[in-house]
């Protein structure tokens, strides 16, 4: 009886397993990531207390439309090629952000390859910062 159910509904079972895996993947990815997520308050504390660097990995046009105060703009695609410039910042904590958080995760991987150890991802990115009414520069 059980075997006939599996044979009849194998596609549904496969969809169930794949969709469950897709739901769990972000959790697994966060666990394996060298970066820690920080919220707006923790990011502010890192900047004020530990002289953290704010690294905006969006494109220059997005950066020009508004960014966190004193942020440095290095688009995610340029991180590897601008390694020597960025290595000057490796001794300080680095808070990486983009619009929502997708590109910043890729950027953190590239920074880790360059030897950065103390790297954070701003949860929700620029939009969460702006939506919280925190200061932005243009």
Protein backbone atom coordinates (compact mmCIF):
# COMPACT_ATOMS: atom_id res chain seq x y z
CA UNK A 1 0.00 0.00 0.00
CA UNK A 2 2.73 2.52 0.95
CA UNK A 3 4.77 1.65 -2.12
CA UNK A 4 1.82 2.26 -4.44
CA UNK A 5 1.29 5.70 -2.84
CA UNK A 6 4.93 6.59 -3.46
CA UNK A 7 4.79 5.33 -7.04
CA UNK A 8 1.58 7.21 -7.74
CA UNK A 9 2.63 10.48 -6.07
CA UNK A 10 6.39 10.58 -6.64
CA UNK A 11 6.20 14.00 -8.28
CA UNK A 12 4.35 15.51 -5.32
CA UNK A 13 6.89 14.00 -2.93
CA UNK A 14 9.73 15.42 -5.02
CA UNK A 15 8.12 18.88 -5.03
CA UNK A 16 7.66 18.66 -1.26
CA UNK A 17 11.33 17.79 -0.70
CA UNK A 18 12.61 20.46 -3.09
CA UNK A 19 10.40 23.22 -1.69
CA UNK A 20 11.38 22.28 1.86
CA UNK A 21 15.04 22.42 0.88
CA UNK A 22 14.56 25.83 -0.72
CA UNK A 23 12.94 27.13 2.46
CA UNK A 24 15.80 25.86 4.60
CA UNK A 25 18.62 27.02 2.31
CA UNK A 26 18.77 30.64 3.60
CA UNK A 27 19.14 29.35 7.16
CA UNK A 28 21.93 26.98 6.16
CA UNK A 29 23.63 29.69 4.12
CA UNK A 30 23.61 32.11 7.07
CA UNK A 31 25.13 29.45 9.34
CA UNK A 32 27.96 28.81 6.86
CA UNK A 33 28.61 32.50 6.17
CA UNK A 34 31.61 34.12 7.85
CA UNK A 35 29.56 37.29 8.35
CA UNK A 36 27.21 38.06 11.14
CA UNK A 37 23.99 39.97 10.59
CA UNK A 38 23.58 43.23 12.49
CA UNK A 39 20.53 45.43 12.79
CA UNK A 40 20.54 49.23 12.57
CA UNK A 41 21.22 49.70 16.29
CA UNK A 42 24.14 47.26 16.38
CA UNK A 43 25.59 48.83 13.23
CA UNK A 44 25.44 52.28 14.82
CA UNK A 45 27.15 50.94 17.93
CA UNK A 46 29.91 49.35 15.83
CA UNK A 47 30.50 52.59 13.96
CA UNK A 48 30.56 54.72 17.10
CA UNK A 49 32.34 52.31 19.43
CA UNK A 50 34.69 50.32 17.19
CA UNK A 51 35.29 52.73 14.29
CA UNK A 52 33.63 50.32 11.85
CA UNK A 53 33.70 51.06 8.13
CA UNK A 54 30.42 51.24 6.22
CA UNK A 55 30.89 49.61 2.82
CA UNK A 56 28.13 50.23 0.27
CA UNK A 57 28.36 47.60 -2.49
CA UNK A 58 25.63 49.06 -4.72
CA UNK A 59 26.30 50.64 -8.09
CA UNK A 60 27.47 54.30 -8.17
CA UNK A 61 24.08 55.57 -9.40
CA UNK A 62 22.32 53.89 -6.45
CA UNK A 63 24.95 55.26 -4.06
CA UNK A 64 24.42 58.76 -5.49
CA UNK A 65 20.70 58.50 -4.75
CA UNK A 66 21.41 58.15 -1.04
CA UNK A 67 23.71 56.24 1.28
CA UNK A 68 24.62 55.83 4.94
CA UNK A 69 26.74 58.65 6.38
CA UNK A 70 30.48 58.34 5.61
CA UNK A 71 29.97 55.13 3.63
CA UNK A 72 32.53 54.03 1.05
CA UNK A 73 31.18 52.86 -2.31
CA UNK A 74 32.78 49.81 -3.91
CA UNK A 75 30.36 47.93 -6.20
CA UNK A 76 30.27 44.21 -5.49
CA UNK A 77 31.78 43.41 -8.90
CA UNK A 78 34.85 45.54 -8.17
CA UNK A 79 35.80 44.16 -4.76
CA UNK A 80 38.39 41.67 -6.01
CA UNK A 81 40.04 44.17 -8.36
CA UNK A 82 40.16 46.86 -5.66
CA UNK A 83 41.66 44.50 -3.09
CA UNK A 84 44.84 46.54 -2.45
CA UNK A 85 42.74 49.63 -1.75
CA UNK A 86 40.38 47.71 0.55
CA UNK A 87 43.16 45.90 2.44
CA UNK A 88 43.90 49.19 4.21
CA UNK A 89 40.57 48.69 6.00
CA UNK A 90 41.08 45.03 7.00
CA UNK A 91 42.07 45.85 10.59
CA UNK A 92 38.72 47.57 11.26
CA UNK A 93 35.26 46.00 11.49
CA UNK A 94 33.43 46.33 8.17
CA UNK A 95 29.66 46.61 7.83
CA UNK A 96 28.61 45.71 4.30
CA UNK A 97 25.26 46.74 2.86
CA UNK A 98 23.39 46.99 -0.42
CA UNK A 99 19.77 47.83 -1.20
CA UNK A 100 18.18 44.86 0.64
CA UNK A 101 20.93 42.36 1.51
CA UNK A 102 21.48 40.07 -1.49
CA UNK A 103 24.58 41.67 -2.99
CA UNK A 104 26.13 42.29 0.40
CA UNK A 105 26.30 38.53 1.04
CA UNK A 106 28.29 38.04 -2.19
CA UNK A 107 30.53 40.96 -1.26
CA UNK A 108 31.23 39.44 2.15
CA UNK A 109 32.42 36.26 0.44
CA UNK A 110 34.82 38.30 -1.70
CA UNK A 111 36.07 40.25 1.33
CA UNK A 112 36.67 37.02 3.23
CA UNK A 113 38.85 35.80 0.35
CA UNK A 114 40.84 39.03 0.68
CA UNK A 115 41.51 38.22 4.35
CA UNK A 116 38.86 40.28 6.13
CA UNK A 117 37.91 38.69 9.44
CA UNK A 118 35.54 41.11 11.20
CA UNK A 119 32.75 41.51 8.63
CA UNK A 120 29.06 42.22 9.25
CA UNK A 121 25.99 42.29 7.03
CA UNK A 122 23.48 45.09 7.64
CA UNK A 123 20.11 43.34 7.90
CA UNK A 124 17.65 44.77 5.41
CA UNK A 125 20.32 46.95 3.80
CA UNK A 126 19.89 50.58 2.85
CA UNK A 127 16.10 50.35 2.65
CA UNK A 128 15.76 49.15 6.26
CA UNK A 129 18.07 51.96 7.39
CA UNK A 130 16.14 54.60 5.45
CA UNK A 131 12.74 53.21 6.47
CA UNK A 132 13.78 53.45 10.13
CA UNK A 133 14.22 57.21 9.64
CA UNK A 134 17.97 57.09 10.21
CA UNK A 135 20.23 59.71 8.57
CA UNK A 136 21.28 59.34 4.94
CA UNK A 137 23.60 61.40 2.77
CA UNK A 138 23.22 62.29 -0.89
